[in-house]
């Protein structure tokens, strides 16, 4: 996993916490097996709008935006809790 590779290069005493976060992932474009379906979906997306078009078995840009916005709110709350616990977050990196 990516986190395992990252942890090889970080001093464990510098880690406040770790979490697997499914809200931070690439947009799911669906399961396309047919090139014609890909072209048809891209045409529909162009007509409908890139941000709002939801791919069959996939998600729209709006879905991604909602997921990530939710994560950012959680991250801010977590940082506030760590500050209350006495952690100095001015030099913290989020990976």
N, C-alpha and C. Protein backbone atom coordinates (compact mmCIF):
# COMPACT_ATOMS: atom_id res chain seq x y z
N UNK A 1 0.84 -1.19 0.00
CA UNK A 1 0.00 0.00 0.00
C UNK A 1 0.88 1.24 0.00
N UNK A 2 0.34 2.33 -0.48
CA UNK A 2 1.08 3.58 -0.56
C UNK A 2 1.56 4.03 0.81
N UNK A 3 0.68 3.92 1.80
CA UNK A 3 1.06 4.37 3.15
C UNK A 3 2.26 3.59 3.68
N UNK A 4 2.37 2.31 3.37
CA UNK A 4 3.51 1.52 3.82
C UNK A 4 4.81 2.05 3.25
N UNK A 5 4.78 2.47 1.98
CA UNK A 5 5.97 3.05 1.36
C UNK A 5 6.32 4.38 1.99
N UNK A 6 5.32 5.20 2.26
CA UNK A 6 5.57 6.49 2.89
C UNK A 6 6.15 6.33 4.29
N UNK A 7 5.63 5.39 5.04
CA UNK A 7 6.08 5.19 6.42
C UNK A 7 7.54 4.76 6.51
N UNK A 8 8.07 4.19 5.46
CA UNK A 8 9.49 3.80 5.44
C UNK A 8 10.40 5.02 5.53
N UNK A 9 9.89 6.18 5.16
CA UNK A 9 10.71 7.39 5.06
C UNK A 9 10.35 8.45 6.11
N UNK A 10 9.50 8.10 7.05
CA UNK A 10 9.07 9.04 8.07
C UNK A 10 9.43 8.48 9.44
N UNK A 11 10.01 9.32 10.28
CA UNK A 11 10.33 8.93 11.64
C UNK A 11 9.02 8.70 12.40
N UNK A 12 8.80 7.51 12.90
CA UNK A 12 7.53 7.16 13.54
C UNK A 12 7.21 8.04 14.75
N UNK A 13 8.25 8.60 15.39
CA UNK A 13 7.99 9.46 16.54
C UNK A 13 7.36 10.79 16.11
N UNK A 14 7.37 11.09 14.81
CA UNK A 14 6.80 12.32 14.31
C UNK A 14 5.35 12.15 13.83
N UNK A 15 4.82 10.96 13.93
CA UNK A 15 3.46 10.69 13.46
C UNK A 15 2.47 10.87 14.60
N UNK A 16 1.50 11.76 14.39
CA UNK A 16 0.45 11.97 15.39
C UNK A 16 -0.60 10.88 15.27
N UNK A 17 -1.04 10.59 14.04
CA UNK A 17 -2.03 9.54 13.83
C UNK A 17 -2.01 9.14 12.35
N UNK A 18 -2.61 8.01 12.08
CA UNK A 18 -2.78 7.57 10.69
C UNK A 18 -4.22 7.15 10.50
N UNK A 19 -4.66 7.23 9.27
CA UNK A 19 -6.03 6.87 8.97
C UNK A 19 -6.12 6.52 7.48
N UNK A 20 -6.84 5.47 7.18
CA UNK A 20 -7.17 5.17 5.78
C UNK A 20 -8.41 5.99 5.46
N UNK A 21 -8.35 6.78 4.40
CA UNK A 21 -9.44 7.70 4.11
C UNK A 21 -10.01 7.45 2.72
N UNK A 22 -11.14 6.74 2.63
CA UNK A 22 -11.73 6.41 1.33
C UNK A 22 -12.31 7.61 0.58
N UNK A 23 -12.53 8.72 1.28
CA UNK A 23 -13.07 9.90 0.57
C UNK A 23 -12.04 10.56 -0.34
N UNK A 24 -10.77 10.24 -0.11
CA UNK A 24 -9.71 10.82 -0.94
C UNK A 24 -9.29 9.75 -1.95
N UNK A 25 -9.92 9.78 -3.08
CA UNK A 25 -9.59 8.85 -4.17
C UNK A 25 -9.96 9.51 -5.50
N UNK A 26 -9.45 8.93 -6.56
CA UNK A 26 -9.73 9.47 -7.88
C UNK A 26 -11.20 9.29 -8.26
N UNK A 27 -11.64 10.09 -9.19
CA UNK A 27 -13.01 9.97 -9.69
C UNK A 27 -13.19 8.61 -10.35
N UNK A 28 -14.32 7.98 -10.06
CA UNK A 28 -14.65 6.69 -10.67
C UNK A 28 -15.41 6.96 -11.96
N UNK A 29 -14.84 6.50 -13.07
CA UNK A 29 -15.45 6.76 -14.37
C UNK A 29 -16.33 5.62 -14.84
N UNK A 30 -16.43 4.56 -14.08
CA UNK A 30 -17.26 3.43 -14.47
C UNK A 30 -16.43 2.29 -15.03
N UNK A 31 -17.11 1.26 -15.43
CA UNK A 31 -16.45 0.07 -15.94
C UNK A 31 -16.73 -0.04 -17.43
N UNK A 32 -15.85 0.53 -18.22
CA UNK A 32 -16.04 0.53 -19.67
C UNK A 32 -15.29 -0.64 -20.30
N UNK A 33 -16.00 -1.45 -21.05
CA UNK A 33 -15.40 -2.56 -21.77
C UNK A 33 -15.49 -2.36 -23.28
N UNK A 34 -16.28 -1.38 -23.68
CA UNK A 34 -16.57 -1.16 -25.09
C UNK A 34 -16.16 0.27 -25.46
N UNK A 35 -15.30 0.40 -26.46
CA UNK A 35 -14.80 1.72 -26.87
C UNK A 35 -15.95 2.62 -27.31
N UNK A 36 -16.95 2.05 -27.98
CA UNK A 36 -18.10 2.86 -28.41
C UNK A 36 -18.83 3.46 -27.22
N UNK A 37 -18.95 2.70 -26.13
CA UNK A 37 -19.61 3.22 -24.93
C UNK A 37 -18.81 4.38 -24.33
N UNK A 38 -17.49 4.29 -24.41
CA UNK A 38 -16.65 5.37 -23.90
C UNK A 38 -16.93 6.65 -24.68
N UNK A 39 -16.92 6.55 -26.00
CA UNK A 39 -17.16 7.73 -26.84
C UNK A 39 -18.57 8.29 -26.63
N UNK A 40 -19.53 7.42 -26.49
CA UNK A 40 -20.92 7.87 -26.27
C UNK A 40 -21.04 8.59 -24.92
N UNK A 41 -20.40 8.04 -23.91
CA UNK A 41 -20.44 8.68 -22.58
C UNK A 41 -19.76 10.04 -22.60
N UNK A 42 -18.64 10.13 -23.30
CA UNK A 42 -17.95 11.42 -23.37
C UNK A 42 -18.79 12.45 -24.11
N UNK A 43 -19.50 12.02 -25.15
CA UNK A 43 -20.39 12.92 -25.88
C UNK A 43 -21.52 13.41 -24.97
N UNK A 44 -22.13 12.48 -24.23
CA UNK A 44 -23.20 12.85 -23.29
C UNK A 44 -22.67 13.81 -22.23
N UNK A 45 -21.48 13.52 -21.72
CA UNK A 45 -20.88 14.38 -20.69
C UNK A 45 -20.68 15.80 -21.22
N UNK A 46 -20.23 15.89 -22.46
CA UNK A 46 -20.01 17.20 -23.07
C UNK A 46 -21.33 17.98 -23.17
N UNK A 47 -22.40 17.29 -23.54
CA UNK A 47 -23.71 17.94 -23.67
C UNK A 47 -24.32 18.29 -22.32
N UNK A 48 -24.09 17.42 -21.34
CA UNK A 48 -24.72 17.57 -20.03
C UNK A 48 -23.93 18.51 -19.12
N UNK A 49 -22.61 18.48 -19.24
CA UNK A 49 -21.72 19.28 -18.39
C UNK A 49 -20.79 18.37 -17.60
N UNK A 50 -19.51 18.69 -17.66
CA UNK A 50 -18.49 17.82 -17.04
C UNK A 50 -18.71 17.64 -15.54
N UNK A 51 -19.12 18.67 -14.86
CA UNK A 51 -19.22 18.62 -13.41
C UNK A 51 -20.41 17.79 -12.94
N UNK A 52 -21.49 17.81 -13.69
CA UNK A 52 -22.73 17.16 -13.24
C UNK A 52 -22.99 15.80 -13.89
N UNK A 53 -22.28 15.47 -14.96
CA UNK A 53 -22.54 14.21 -15.65
C UNK A 53 -22.01 13.05 -14.82
N UNK A 54 -22.86 12.07 -14.55
CA UNK A 54 -22.47 10.87 -13.80
C UNK A 54 -22.33 9.71 -14.77
N UNK A 55 -21.13 9.15 -14.82
CA UNK A 55 -20.88 8.00 -15.67
C UNK A 55 -21.66 6.79 -15.14
N UNK A 56 -22.11 5.93 -16.06
CA UNK A 56 -22.79 4.70 -15.66
C UNK A 56 -21.80 3.89 -14.82
N UNK A 57 -22.21 3.46 -13.65
CA UNK A 57 -21.36 2.74 -12.70
C UNK A 57 -20.19 3.59 -12.23
N UNK A 58 -20.31 4.91 -12.35
CA UNK A 58 -19.24 5.82 -11.94
C UNK A 58 -19.80 6.96 -11.12
N UNK A 59 -19.11 8.08 -11.16
CA UNK A 59 -19.57 9.23 -10.40
C UNK A 59 -19.30 10.52 -11.16
N UNK A 60 -20.01 11.54 -10.76
CA UNK A 60 -19.87 12.87 -11.36
C UNK A 60 -18.81 13.66 -10.61
N UNK A 61 -18.35 14.74 -11.23
CA UNK A 61 -17.44 15.64 -10.54
C UNK A 61 -18.05 16.17 -9.25
N UNK A 62 -19.35 16.38 -9.27
CA UNK A 62 -20.07 16.83 -8.08
C UNK A 62 -19.91 15.82 -6.94
N UNK A 63 -19.97 14.54 -7.26
CA UNK A 63 -19.79 13.50 -6.24
C UNK A 63 -18.40 13.60 -5.60
N UNK A 64 -17.40 13.79 -6.45
CA UNK A 64 -16.02 13.91 -5.96
C UNK A 64 -15.91 15.14 -5.07
N UNK A 65 -16.45 16.26 -5.53
CA UNK A 65 -16.42 17.50 -4.76
C UNK A 65 -17.06 17.29 -3.39
N UNK A 66 -18.19 16.61 -3.34
CA UNK A 66 -18.88 16.37 -2.07
C UNK A 66 -18.04 15.51 -1.14
N UNK A 67 -17.43 14.45 -1.70
CA UNK A 67 -16.58 13.58 -0.87
C UNK A 67 -15.42 14.36 -0.27
N UNK A 68 -14.71 15.10 -1.12
CA UNK A 68 -13.52 15.81 -0.67
C UNK A 68 -13.87 16.93 0.30
N UNK A 69 -14.97 17.63 0.05
CA UNK A 69 -15.40 18.69 0.96
C UNK A 69 -15.70 18.11 2.35
N UNK A 70 -16.32 16.97 2.38
CA UNK A 70 -16.61 16.31 3.64
C UNK A 70 -15.31 15.95 4.37
N UNK A 71 -14.33 15.46 3.63
CA UNK A 71 -13.04 15.12 4.24
C UNK A 71 -12.35 16.36 4.80
N UNK A 72 -12.37 17.46 4.07
CA UNK A 72 -11.70 18.68 4.53
C UNK A 72 -12.32 19.16 5.84
N UNK A 73 -13.63 19.08 5.96
CA UNK A 73 -14.28 19.46 7.22
C UNK A 73 -13.80 18.58 8.37
N UNK A 74 -13.68 17.30 8.11
CA UNK A 74 -13.19 16.37 9.12
C UNK A 74 -11.75 16.69 9.50
N UNK A 75 -10.93 16.97 8.50
CA UNK A 75 -9.52 17.28 8.74
C UNK A 75 -9.39 18.54 9.61
N UNK A 76 -10.17 19.55 9.32
CA UNK A 76 -10.13 20.79 10.11
C UNK A 76 -10.52 20.50 11.56
N UNK A 77 -11.59 19.73 11.75
CA UNK A 77 -12.01 19.39 13.12
C UNK A 77 -10.93 18.60 13.85
N UNK A 78 -10.32 17.64 13.15
CA UNK A 78 -9.25 16.85 13.77
C UNK A 78 -8.08 17.75 14.18
N UNK A 79 -7.69 18.67 13.30
CA UNK A 79 -6.58 19.58 13.61
C UNK A 79 -6.91 20.44 14.83
N UNK A 80 -8.14 20.90 14.92
CA UNK A 80 -8.55 21.69 16.08
C UNK A 80 -8.44 20.87 17.36
N UNK A 81 -8.82 19.61 17.28
CA UNK A 81 -8.72 18.73 18.46
C UNK A 81 -7.26 18.50 18.85
N UNK A 82 -6.39 18.32 17.88
CA UNK A 82 -4.97 18.14 18.18
C UNK A 82 -4.38 19.40 18.79
N UNK A 83 -4.80 20.56 18.32
CA UNK A 83 -4.32 21.81 18.91
C UNK A 83 -4.77 21.92 20.36
N UNK A 84 -6.01 21.57 20.64
CA UNK A 84 -6.51 21.60 22.01
C UNK A 84 -5.74 20.64 22.90
N UNK A 85 -5.26 19.55 22.31
CA UNK A 85 -4.49 18.55 23.07
C UNK A 85 -3.03 18.98 23.26
N UNK A 86 -2.67 20.14 22.68
CA UNK A 86 -1.32 20.65 22.90
C UNK A 86 -0.33 20.45 21.77
N UNK A 87 -0.78 19.90 20.66
CA UNK A 87 0.13 19.72 19.52
C UNK A 87 0.33 21.04 18.79
N UNK A 88 1.57 21.33 18.42
CA UNK A 88 1.89 22.51 17.63
C UNK A 88 1.77 22.12 16.16
N UNK A 89 0.78 22.66 15.47
CA UNK A 89 0.49 22.23 14.10
C UNK A 89 1.07 23.13 13.03
N UNK A 90 1.84 24.14 13.42
CA UNK A 90 2.42 25.05 12.43
C UNK A 90 3.41 24.35 11.51
N UNK A 91 3.99 23.25 11.96
CA UNK A 91 4.99 22.55 11.15
C UNK A 91 4.54 21.14 10.78
N UNK A 92 3.23 20.88 10.83
CA UNK A 92 2.70 19.55 10.55
C UNK A 92 2.48 19.38 9.03
N UNK A 93 2.80 18.19 8.56
CA UNK A 93 2.51 17.82 7.18
C UNK A 93 1.43 16.75 7.18
N UNK A 94 0.46 16.90 6.30
CA UNK A 94 -0.59 15.90 6.15
C UNK A 94 -0.26 15.13 4.88
N UNK A 95 -0.11 13.82 5.01
CA UNK A 95 0.24 12.97 3.88
C UNK A 95 -0.89 12.01 3.63
